[in-house]
PDB file of N, CA and C in Angstrom:
ATOM      1  N   UNK A   1     -13.012  33.191  19.809  1.00  0.00           N
ATOM      2  CA  UNK A   1     -13.375  32.678  18.271  1.00  0.00           C
ATOM      3  C   UNK A   1     -13.786  31.233  18.698  1.00  0.00           C
ATOM      4  N   UNK A   2     -14.488  30.476  18.433  1.00  0.00           N
ATOM      5  CA  UNK A   2     -15.196  28.876  17.788  1.00  0.00           C
ATOM      6  C   UNK A   2     -14.370  28.719  16.988  1.00  0.00           C
ATOM      7  N   UNK A   3     -14.070  27.533  16.806  1.00  0.00           N
ATOM      8  CA  UNK A   3     -13.391  26.227  15.566  1.00  0.00           C
ATOM      9  C   UNK A   3     -14.316  25.225  15.712  1.00  0.00           C
ATOM     10  N   UNK A   4     -14.633  24.611  14.786  1.00  0.00           N
ATOM     11  CA  UNK A   4     -15.474  23.374  14.006  1.00  0.00           C
ATOM     12  C   UNK A   4     -14.577  22.539  14.103  1.00  0.00           C
ATOM     13  N   UNK A   5     -15.190  21.304  13.713  1.00  0.00           N
ATOM     14  CA  UNK A   5     -14.350  20.084  13.654  1.00  0.00           C
ATOM     15  C   UNK A   5     -15.010  19.007  12.663  1.00  0.00           C
ATOM     16  N   UNK A   6     -14.145  19.458  11.727  1.00  0.00           N
ATOM     17  CA  UNK A   6     -14.174  18.631  10.378  1.00  0.00           C
ATOM     18  C   UNK A   6     -14.082  17.146   9.969  1.00  0.00           C
ATOM     19  N   UNK A   7     -15.205  16.428  10.243  1.00  0.00           N
ATOM     20  CA  UNK A   7     -14.765  15.047  10.241  1.00  0.00           C
ATOM     21  C   UNK A   7     -15.214  14.247   9.237  1.00  0.00           C
ATOM     22  N   UNK A   8     -14.261  13.380   9.010  1.00  0.00           N
ATOM     23  CA  UNK A   8     -13.877  12.441   7.530  1.00  0.00           C
ATOM     24  C   UNK A   8     -13.652  11.510   7.519  1.00  0.00           C
ATOM     25  N   UNK A   9     -14.652  10.613   6.534  1.00  0.00           N
ATOM     26  CA  UNK A   9     -14.687   9.175   6.491  1.00  0.00           C
ATOM     27  C   UNK A   9     -14.182   9.098   5.604  1.00  0.00           C
ATOM     28  N   UNK A  10     -13.365   8.167   6.270  1.00  0.00           N
ATOM     29  CA  UNK A  10     -12.033   7.496   4.914  1.00  0.00           C
ATOM     30  C   UNK A  10     -13.120   5.867   4.123  1.00  0.00           C
ATOM     31  N   UNK A  11     -12.746   5.666   3.018  1.00  0.00           N
ATOM     32  CA  UNK A  11     -13.618   5.176   2.057  1.00  0.00           C
ATOM     33  C   UNK A  11     -12.665   3.958   2.400  1.00  0.00           C
ATOM     34  N   UNK A  12     -13.515   2.525   2.042  1.00  0.00           N
ATOM     35  CA  UNK A  12     -12.567   1.611   1.803  1.00  0.00           C
ATOM     36  C   UNK A  12     -12.320   1.061   0.646  1.00  0.00           C
ATOM     37  N   UNK A  13     -10.992   0.387   0.869  1.00  0.00           N
ATOM     38  CA  UNK A  13     -11.004  -0.238  -0.365  1.00  0.00           C
ATOM     39  C   UNK A  13     -11.745  -1.282  -1.128  1.00  0.00           C
ATOM     40  N   UNK A  14     -12.017  -1.199  -2.024  1.00  0.00           N
ATOM     41  CA  UNK A  14     -13.009  -2.415  -3.432  1.00  0.00           C
ATOM     42  C   UNK A  14     -12.328  -3.477  -3.971  1.00  0.00           C
ATOM     43  N   UNK A  15     -10.942  -3.221  -4.545  1.00  0.00           N
ATOM     44  CA  UNK A  15     -10.163  -3.647  -5.349  1.00  0.00           C
ATOM     45  C   UNK A  15      -9.047  -2.686  -4.954  1.00  0.00           C
ATOM     46  N   UNK A  16      -8.004  -3.544  -6.258  1.00  0.00           N
ATOM     47  CA  UNK A  16      -6.565  -3.317  -5.806  1.00  0.00           C
ATOM     48  C   UNK A  16      -5.568  -3.527  -7.618  1.00  0.00           C
ATOM     49  N   UNK A  17      -5.021  -2.678  -7.892  1.00  0.00           N
ATOM     50  CA  UNK A  17      -4.200  -3.705  -8.673  1.00  0.00           C
ATOM     51  C   UNK A  17      -3.347  -2.617  -8.774  1.00  0.00           C
ATOM     52  N   UNK A  18      -1.477  -3.165  -9.237  1.00  0.00           N
ATOM     53  CA  UNK A  18      -0.338  -3.234  -9.249  1.00  0.00           C
ATOM     54  C   UNK A  18      -0.017  -3.036 -10.299  1.00  0.00           C
ATOM     55  N   UNK A  19       0.759  -2.354 -10.916  1.00  0.00           N
ATOM     56  CA  UNK A  19       1.349  -2.409 -12.208  1.00  0.00           C
ATOM     57  C   UNK A  19       2.754  -2.344 -12.006  1.00  0.00           C
ATOM     58  N   UNK A  20       3.942  -2.345 -13.215  1.00  0.00           N
ATOM     59  CA  UNK A  20       5.176  -1.938 -13.041  1.00  0.00           C
ATOM     60  C   UNK A  20       5.104  -0.571 -12.294  1.00  0.00           C
ATOM     61  N   UNK A  21       4.408   0.296 -12.653  1.00  0.00           N
ATOM     62  CA  UNK A  21       4.362   1.661 -12.761  1.00  0.00           C
ATOM     63  C   UNK A  21       3.908   2.359 -10.806  1.00  0.00           C
ATOM     64  N   UNK A  22       2.709   1.472 -11.048  1.00  0.00           N
ATOM     65  CA  UNK A  22       1.056   2.244  -9.984  1.00  0.00           C
ATOM     66  C   UNK A  22       0.828   1.208  -9.418  1.00  0.00           C
ATOM     67  N   UNK A  23       0.120   1.626  -8.427  1.00  0.00           N
ATOM     68  CA  UNK A  23      -0.703   1.001  -7.389  1.00  0.00           C
ATOM     69  C   UNK A  23      -2.602   1.685  -7.417  1.00  0.00           C
ATOM     70  N   UNK A  24      -3.103   1.485  -7.786  1.00  0.00           N
ATOM     71  CA  UNK A  24      -4.434   2.011  -8.457  1.00  0.00           C
ATOM     72  C   UNK A  24      -5.616   1.037  -7.145  1.00  0.00           C
ATOM     73  N   UNK A  25      -5.935   1.850  -6.444  1.00  0.00           N
ATOM     74  CA  UNK A  25      -7.322   1.050  -5.724  1.00  0.00           C
ATOM     75  C   UNK A  25      -9.174   2.071  -6.231  1.00  0.00           C
ATOM     76  N   UNK A  26      -9.323   0.793  -6.204  1.00  0.00           N
ATOM     77  CA  UNK A  26     -10.953   1.948  -6.116  1.00  0.00           C
ATOM     78  C   UNK A  26     -11.983   1.572  -4.559  1.00  0.00           C
ATOM     79  N   UNK A  27     -12.644   2.760  -4.588  1.00  0.00           N
ATOM     80  CA  UNK A  27     -12.474   2.886  -3.494  1.00  0.00           C
ATOM     81  C   UNK A  27     -14.273   2.715  -3.021  1.00  0.00           C
ATOM     82  N   UNK A  28     -14.701   3.134  -2.282  1.00  0.00           N
ATOM     83  CA  UNK A  28     -16.376   2.533  -2.142  1.00  0.00           C
ATOM     84  C   UNK A  28     -17.047   3.795  -2.165  1.00  0.00           C
ATOM     85  N   UNK A  29     -17.076   4.821  -2.703  1.00  0.00           N
ATOM     86  CA  UNK A  29     -16.812   6.304  -2.753  1.00  0.00           C
ATOM     87  C   UNK A  29     -17.357   6.625  -4.139  1.00  0.00           C
ATOM     88  N   UNK A  30     -16.570   5.510  -5.144  1.00  0.00           N
ATOM     89  CA  UNK A  30     -16.642   5.668  -6.387  1.00  0.00           C
ATOM     90  C   UNK A  30     -15.604   6.156  -6.800  1.00  0.00           C
ATOM     91  N   UNK A  31     -14.084   7.234  -5.697  1.00  0.00           N
ATOM     92  CA  UNK A  31     -12.898   7.354  -6.299  1.00  0.00           C
ATOM     93  C   UNK A  31     -12.240   6.119  -6.582  1.00  0.00           C
ATOM     94  N   UNK A  32     -10.952   6.144  -7.902  1.00  0.00           N
ATOM     95  CA  UNK A  32     -10.368   5.449  -7.858  1.00  0.00           C
ATOM     96  C   UNK A  32      -8.855   6.485  -7.521  1.00  0.00           C
ATOM     97  N   UNK A  33      -8.067   6.126  -6.890  1.00  0.00           N
ATOM     98  CA  UNK A  33      -7.117   6.765  -6.361  1.00  0.00           C
ATOM     99  C   UNK A  33      -5.512   5.967  -7.190  1.00  0.00           C
ATOM    100  N   UNK A  34      -4.562   6.546  -7.497  1.00  0.00           N
ATOM    101  CA  UNK A  34      -3.677   5.768  -8.197  1.00  0.00           C
ATOM    102  C   UNK A  34      -2.128   6.545  -7.240  1.00  0.00           C
ATOM    103  N   UNK A  35      -1.192   5.730  -6.826  1.00  0.00           N
ATOM    104  CA  UNK A  35       0.117   6.143  -6.691  1.00  0.00           C
ATOM    105  C   UNK A  35       1.488   5.459  -6.986  1.00  0.00           C
ATOM    106  N   UNK A  36       2.219   6.375  -7.116  1.00  0.00           N
ATOM    107  CA  UNK A  36       3.636   5.703  -7.942  1.00  0.00           C
ATOM    108  C   UNK A  36       4.113   4.227  -6.782  1.00  0.00           C
ATOM    109  N   UNK A  37       4.005   3.217  -7.816  1.00  0.00           N
ATOM    110  CA  UNK A  37       5.017   2.016  -6.815  1.00  0.00           C
ATOM    111  C   UNK A  37       6.088   2.342  -6.213  1.00  0.00           C
ATOM    112  N   UNK A  38       6.776   3.513  -6.683  1.00  0.00           N
ATOM    113  CA  UNK A  38       8.276   3.650  -5.837  1.00  0.00           C
ATOM    114  C   UNK A  38       7.918   4.166  -4.616  1.00  0.00           C
ATOM    115  N   UNK A  39       6.675   4.657  -4.304  1.00  0.00           N
ATOM    116  CA  UNK A  39       7.113   4.671  -2.883  1.00  0.00           C
ATOM    117  C   UNK A  39       6.456   4.001  -2.176  1.00  0.00           C
ATOM    118  N   UNK A  40       6.685   2.655  -2.495  1.00  0.00           N
ATOM    119  CA  UNK A  40       7.029   1.464  -1.432  1.00  0.00           C
ATOM    120  C   UNK A  40       7.265   0.643  -2.561  1.00  0.00           C
ATOM    121  N   UNK A  41       8.878   0.267  -1.899  1.00  0.00           N
ATOM    122  CA  UNK A  41       9.708   0.028  -2.108  1.00  0.00           C
ATOM    123  C   UNK A  41       9.658  -1.461  -2.239  1.00  0.00           C
ATOM    124  N   UNK A  42       8.331  -2.255  -1.629  1.00  0.00           N
ATOM    125  CA  UNK A  42       8.859  -3.513  -1.047  1.00  0.00           C
ATOM    126  C   UNK A  42       7.799  -4.160  -2.605  1.00  0.00           C
ATOM    127  N   UNK A  43       6.764  -3.344  -2.937  1.00  0.00           N
ATOM    128  CA  UNK A  43       6.089  -3.763  -4.093  1.00  0.00           C
ATOM    129  C   UNK A  43       7.110  -3.498  -5.292  1.00  0.00           C
ATOM    130  N   UNK A  44       7.809  -2.222  -5.244  1.00  0.00           N
ATOM    131  CA  UNK A  44       8.394  -1.974  -6.430  1.00  0.00           C
ATOM    132  C   UNK A  44       9.533  -3.458  -6.655  1.00  0.00           C
ATOM    133  N   UNK A  45       9.918  -4.287  -5.223  1.00  0.00           N
ATOM    134  CA  UNK A  45      10.785  -5.286  -5.845  1.00  0.00           C
ATOM    135  C   UNK A  45       9.794  -6.443  -5.691  1.00  0.00           C
ATOM    136  N   UNK A  46       8.964  -6.375  -5.631  1.00  0.00           N
ATOM    137  CA  UNK A  46       8.091  -7.722  -5.454  1.00  0.00           C
ATOM    138  C   UNK A  46       7.848  -7.926  -7.047  1.00  0.00           C
ATOM    139  N   UNK A  47       7.225  -9.515  -7.356  1.00  0.00           N
ATOM    140  CA  UNK A  47       7.155 -10.064  -8.449  1.00  0.00           C
ATOM    141  C   UNK A  47       5.996  -9.445  -9.145  1.00  0.00           C
ATOM    142  N   UNK A  48       5.316  -9.970 -10.484  1.00  0.00           N
ATOM    143  CA  UNK A  48       4.051  -9.473 -10.534  1.00  0.00           C
ATOM    144  C   UNK A  48       3.201 -10.894  -9.780  1.00  0.00           C
ATOM    145  N   UNK A  49       3.551 -12.330  -9.651  1.00  0.00           N
ATOM    146  CA  UNK A  49       2.416 -12.672  -8.634  1.00  0.00           C
ATOM    147  C   UNK A  49       2.564 -12.238  -6.918  1.00  0.00           C
ATOM    148  N   UNK A  50       3.353 -11.826  -6.744  1.00  0.00           N
ATOM    149  CA  UNK A  50       3.552 -11.401  -5.643  1.00  0.00           C
ATOM    150  C   UNK A  50       2.406 -10.041  -5.707  1.00  0.00           C
ATOM    151  N   UNK A  51       2.690  -8.828  -6.439  1.00  0.00           N
ATOM    152  CA  UNK A  51       1.958  -7.957  -6.482  1.00  0.00           C
ATOM    153  C   UNK A  51       0.123  -8.077  -6.298  1.00  0.00           C
ATOM    154  N   UNK A  52       0.086  -9.733  -7.546  1.00  0.00           N
ATOM    155  CA  UNK A  52      -1.714  -9.798  -7.450  1.00  0.00           C
ATOM    156  C   UNK A  52      -2.079 -10.658  -5.945  1.00  0.00           C
ATOM    157  N   UNK A  53      -1.542 -10.965  -5.514  1.00  0.00           N
ATOM    158  CA  UNK A  53      -1.264 -11.894  -3.918  1.00  0.00           C
ATOM    159  C   UNK A  53      -1.926 -11.181  -2.954  1.00  0.00           C
ATOM    160  N   UNK A  54      -2.812  -9.694  -2.870  1.00  0.00           N
ATOM    161  CA  UNK A  54      -3.336  -9.154  -1.607  1.00  0.00           C
ATOM    162  C   UNK A  54      -4.805  -9.465  -1.621  1.00  0.00           C
ATOM    163  N   UNK A  55      -4.648  -9.048  -0.296  1.00  0.00           N
ATOM    164  CA  UNK A  55      -6.267  -8.943   0.325  1.00  0.00           C
ATOM    165  C   UNK A  55      -6.165  -7.889   0.979  1.00  0.00           C
ATOM    166  N   UNK A  56      -7.703  -7.486   0.840  1.00  0.00           N
ATOM    167  CA  UNK A  56      -8.520  -6.470   2.015  1.00  0.00           C
ATOM    168  C   UNK A  56      -8.131  -6.895   3.219  1.00  0.00           C
ATOM    169  N   UNK A  57      -7.781  -5.896   4.278  1.00  0.00           N
ATOM    170  CA  UNK A  57      -7.567  -6.001   5.732  1.00  0.00           C
ATOM    171  C   UNK A  57      -8.701  -4.806   5.908  1.00  0.00           C
ATOM    172  N   UNK A  58      -9.338  -5.446   7.298  1.00  0.00           N
ATOM    173  CA  UNK A  58     -10.180  -4.714   7.886  1.00  0.00           C
ATOM    174  C   UNK A  58     -11.373  -3.855   7.339  1.00  0.00           C
ATOM    175  N   UNK A  59     -11.975  -4.869   6.325  1.00  0.00           N
ATOM    176  CA  UNK A  59     -13.087  -4.274   5.797  1.00  0.00           C
ATOM    177  C   UNK A  59     -13.223  -3.497   4.713  1.00  0.00           C
ATOM    178  N   UNK A  60     -11.216  -3.262   4.577  1.00  0.00           N
ATOM    179  CA  UNK A  60     -11.180  -2.259   3.330  1.00  0.00           C
ATOM    180  C   UNK A  60     -10.296  -1.319   3.711  1.00  0.00           C
ATOM    181  N   UNK A  61     -10.254  -1.081   5.058  1.00  0.00           N
ATOM    182  CA  UNK A  61      -9.071  -0.222   5.230  1.00  0.00           C
ATOM    183  C   UNK A  61      -8.167   0.208   5.067  1.00  0.00           C
ATOM    184  N   UNK A  62      -7.391  -1.323   4.696  1.00  0.00           N
ATOM    185  CA  UNK A  62      -6.044  -1.251   4.318  1.00  0.00           C
ATOM    186  C   UNK A  62      -6.092  -2.376   3.032  1.00  0.00           C
ATOM    187  N   UNK A  63      -4.721  -2.529   3.092  1.00  0.00           N
ATOM    188  CA  UNK A  63      -4.053  -3.723   1.714  1.00  0.00           C
ATOM    189  C   UNK A  63      -2.939  -4.736   2.209  1.00  0.00           C
ATOM    190  N   UNK A  64      -3.036  -5.369   2.604  1.00  0.00           N
ATOM    191  CA  UNK A  64      -2.056  -6.686   2.732  1.00  0.00           C
ATOM    192  C   UNK A  64      -1.036  -7.055   1.978  1.00  0.00           C
ATOM    193  N   UNK A  65      -0.496  -7.621   1.467  1.00  0.00           N
ATOM    194  CA  UNK A  65       0.799  -8.188   0.734  1.00  0.00           C
ATOM    195  C   UNK A  65       1.239  -9.510   1.671  1.00  0.00           C
ATOM    196  N   UNK A  66       0.949 -10.486   1.414  1.00  0.00           N
ATOM    197  CA  UNK A  66       1.656 -11.898   2.568  1.00  0.00           C
ATOM    198  C   UNK A  66       3.068 -12.159   1.959  1.00  0.00           C
ATOM    199  N   UNK A  67       3.221 -12.284   0.822  1.00  0.00           N
ATOM    200  CA  UNK A  67       4.153 -12.482   0.334  1.00  0.00           C
ATOM    201  C   UNK A  67       5.481 -11.778   0.385  1.00  0.00           C
ATOM    202  N   UNK A  68       5.242 -10.273   0.532  1.00  0.00           N
ATOM    203  CA  UNK A  68       6.095  -9.462   0.753  1.00  0.00           C
ATOM    204  C   UNK A  68       5.816  -8.676   2.033  1.00  0.00           C
ATOM    205  N   UNK A  69       5.265  -9.109   2.952  1.00  0.00           N
ATOM    206  CA  UNK A  69       4.637  -9.032   4.213  1.00  0.00           C
ATOM    207  C   UNK A  69       4.904  -7.124   4.676  1.00  0.00           C
ATOM    208  N   UNK A  70       4.163  -6.752   2.976  1.00  0.00           N
ATOM    209  CA  UNK A  70       3.452  -5.385   3.321  1.00  0.00           C
ATOM    210  C   UNK A  70       1.953  -4.955   3.809  1.00  0.00           C
ATOM    211  N   UNK A  71       1.916  -3.581   3.916  1.00  0.00           N
ATOM    212  CA  UNK A  71       0.468  -3.314   4.505  1.00  0.00           C
ATOM    213  C   UNK A  71       0.055  -1.772   4.135  1.00  0.00           C
ATOM    214  N   UNK A  72      -0.564  -1.712   3.921  1.00  0.00           N
ATOM    215  CA  UNK A  72      -1.006   0.041   3.605  1.00  0.00           C
ATOM    216  C   UNK A  72      -2.384   0.154   3.782  1.00  0.00           C
ATOM    217  N   UNK A  73      -2.271   1.552   3.978  1.00  0.00           N
ATOM    218  CA  UNK A  73      -4.021   1.786   4.832  1.00  0.00           C
ATOM    219  C   UNK A  73      -4.163   2.855   3.890  1.00  0.00           C
ATOM    220  N   UNK A  74      -6.186   2.576   3.309  1.00  0.00           N
ATOM    221  CA  UNK A  74      -6.172   3.600   2.464  1.00  0.00           C
ATOM    222  C   UNK A  74      -6.432   4.881   3.295  1.00  0.00           C
ATOM    223  N   UNK A  75      -6.338   5.237   4.346  1.00  0.00           N
ATOM    224  CA  UNK A  75      -6.552   6.355   4.827  1.00  0.00           C
ATOM    225  C   UNK A  75      -4.952   7.297   3.950  1.00  0.00           C
ATOM    226  N   UNK A  76      -3.805   6.455   4.446  1.00  0.00           N
ATOM    227  CA  UNK A  76      -2.245   6.938   4.207  1.00  0.00           C
ATOM    228  C   UNK A  76      -2.712   7.028   2.507  1.00  0.00           C
ATOM    229  N   UNK A  77      -2.722   6.269   2.019  1.00  0.00           N
ATOM    230  CA  UNK A  77      -2.614   6.619   0.512  1.00  0.00           C
ATOM    231  C   UNK A  77      -3.789   8.138  -0.313  1.00  0.00           C
ATOM    232  N   UNK A  78      -4.634   7.894   0.833  1.00  0.00           N
ATOM    233  CA  UNK A  78      -5.393   9.282   0.269  1.00  0.00           C
ATOM    234  C   UNK A  78      -4.646  10.419   0.899  1.00  0.00           C
ATOM    235  N   UNK A  79      -3.686  10.676   1.878  1.00  0.00           N
ATOM    236  CA  UNK A  79      -3.673  11.718   2.279  1.00  0.00           C
ATOM    237  C   UNK A  79      -2.149  12.023   1.226  1.00  0.00           C
ATOM    238  N   UNK A  80      -1.201  10.640   0.832  1.00  0.00           N
ATOM    239  CA  UNK A  80      -0.316  11.174   0.096  1.00  0.00           C
ATOM    240  C   UNK A  80       0.926  10.490   0.920  1.00  0.00           C
ATOM    241  N   UNK A  81       0.865   9.384   2.076  1.00  0.00           N
ATOM    242  CA  UNK A  81       2.401   8.755   2.075  1.00  0.00           C
ATOM    243  C   UNK A  81       2.505   8.054   1.729  1.00  0.00           C
ATOM    244  N   UNK A  82       4.283   7.852   2.060  1.00  0.00           N
ATOM    245  CA  UNK A  82       5.093   6.941   1.573  1.00  0.00           C
ATOM    246  C   UNK A  82       5.265   6.161   2.313  1.00  0.00           C
ATOM    247  N   UNK A  83       5.412   4.966   1.966  1.00  0.00           N
ATOM    248  CA  UNK A  83       6.509   3.657   2.826  1.00  0.00           C
ATOM    249  C   UNK A  83       7.162   4.804   3.943  1.00  0.00           C
ATOM    250  N   UNK A  84       6.776   3.894   4.975  1.00  0.00           N
ATOM    251  CA  UNK A  84       7.453   4.870   6.038  1.00  0.00           C
ATOM    252  C   UNK A  84       8.556   3.913   6.726  1.00  0.00           C
ATOM    253  N   UNK A  85       9.003   2.680   5.745  1.00  0.00           N
ATOM    254  CA  UNK A  85       9.711   1.837   6.268  1.00  0.00           C
ATOM    255  C   UNK A  85      11.343   2.492   5.867  1.00  0.00           C
ATOM    256  N   UNK A  86      12.204   2.546   7.429  1.00  0.00           N
ATOM    257  CA  UNK A  86      13.370   2.885   7.362  1.00  0.00           C
ATOM    258  C   UNK A  86      14.466   2.428   5.991  1.00  0.00           C
ATOM    259  N   UNK A  87      15.348   2.820   5.955  1.00  0.00           N
ATOM    260  CA  UNK A  87      15.983   2.424   4.523  1.00  0.00           C
ATOM    261  C   UNK A  87      16.441   0.936   5.308  1.00  0.00           C
ATOM    262  N   UNK A  88      17.247   1.440   6.596  1.00  0.00           N
ATOM    263  CA  UNK A  88      17.680   0.578   7.055  1.00  0.00           C
ATOM    264  C   UNK A  88      17.389  -0.947   7.248  1.00  0.00           C
ATOM    265  N   UNK A  89      15.399  -0.722   7.552  1.00  0.00           N
ATOM    266  CA  UNK A  89      14.919  -1.967   7.676  1.00  0.00           C
ATOM    267  C   UNK A  89      14.754  -2.908   6.225  1.00  0.00           C
ATOM    268  N   UNK A  90      14.422  -1.627   5.387  1.00  0.00           N
ATOM    269  CA  UNK A  90      14.073  -1.928   4.337  1.00  0.00           C
ATOM    270  C   UNK A  90      15.505  -3.031   3.242  1.00  0.00           C
ATOM    271  N   UNK A  91      16.866  -2.705   3.920  1.00  0.00           N
ATOM    272  CA  UNK A  91      17.847  -2.832   3.106  1.00  0.00           C
ATOM    273  C   UNK A  91      18.056  -4.604   4.184  1.00  0.00           C
ATOM    274  N   UNK A  92      17.747  -4.747   5.066  1.00  0.00           N
ATOM    275  CA  UNK A  92      17.423  -6.047   5.696  1.00  0.00           C
ATOM    276  C   UNK A  92      17.053  -7.028   5.530  1.00  0.00           C
ATOM    277  N   UNK A  93      15.915  -6.086   5.075  1.00  0.00           N
ATOM    278  CA  UNK A  93      14.590  -7.209   4.462  1.00  0.00           C
ATOM    279  C   UNK A  93      14.718  -7.606   3.327  1.00  0.00           C
ATOM    280  N   UNK A  94      15.974  -6.566   2.018  1.00  0.00           N
ATOM    281  CA  UNK A  94      16.160  -6.576   0.875  1.00  0.00           C
ATOM    282  C   UNK A  94      16.940  -8.377   0.845  1.00  0.00           C
ATOM    283  N   UNK A  95      18.208  -8.214   2.072  1.00  0.00           N
ATOM    284  CA  UNK A  95      18.976  -9.105   1.889  1.00  0.00           C
ATOM    285  C   UNK A  95      18.299 -10.573   1.955  1.00  0.00           C
ATOM    286  N   UNK A  96      17.448 -10.463   3.075  1.00  0.00           N
ATOM    287  CA  UNK A  96      16.856 -12.114   3.395  1.00  0.00           C
ATOM    288  C   UNK A  96      15.965 -12.082   1.908  1.00  0.00           C
ATOM    289  N   UNK A  97      15.773 -11.584   1.779  1.00  0.00           N
ATOM    290  CA  UNK A  97      14.492 -11.734   0.195  1.00  0.00           C
ATOM    291  C   UNK A  97      15.793 -12.631  -0.668  1.00  0.00           C
ATOM    292  N   UNK A  98      16.991 -11.345  -1.048  1.00  0.00           N
ATOM    293  CA  UNK A  98      17.710 -12.163  -2.102  1.00  0.00           C
ATOM    294  C   UNK A  98      17.911 -13.367  -1.574  1.00  0.00           C
ATOM    295  N   UNK A  99      18.616 -13.303  -0.148  1.00  0.00           N
ATOM    296  CA  UNK A  99      19.327 -14.750   0.315  1.00  0.00           C
ATOM    297  C   UNK A  99      18.516 -15.990   0.108  1.00  0.00           C
ATOM    298  N   UNK A 100      17.178 -16.022  -0.014  1.00  0.00           N
ATOM    299  CA  UNK A 100      16.328 -16.503   0.298  1.00  0.00           C
ATOM    300  C   UNK A 100      16.601 -17.488  -2.089  1.00  0.00           C
ATOM    301  N   UNK A 101      16.221 -16.166  -2.661  1.00  0.00           N
ATOM    302  CA  UNK A 101      16.373 -16.540  -3.697  1.00  0.00           C
ATOM    303  C   UNK A 101      17.416 -17.301  -4.813  1.00  0.00           C
ATOM    304  N   UNK A 102      18.663 -16.983  -3.779  1.00  0.00           N
ATOM    305  CA  UNK A 102      20.166 -17.247  -4.124  1.00  0.00           C
ATOM    306  C   UNK A 102      20.505 -18.885  -3.878  1.00  0.00           C
TER     307      UNK A 102
END
């Protein structure tokens, strides 16, 4: 029995939009993908200005939000991966964030 390997090329992100409900990413292969923002608690907690302050990293293999220290890979979005941050880590981040704004 032989097996073959499928090679899948992951497209790059070209543009990103974040609404109160959805993260939408335009890809270099012509697709647009959307995922629920609740998958990424830091983005869910972010202000509209913080959500809009993103940059592409690695020529579009990922997206970075400096203000909230969030990184999301295109590959992960395509695979349907949610945030990998632990609840404990998110709670610490949220406490530091709330402490700054108090």
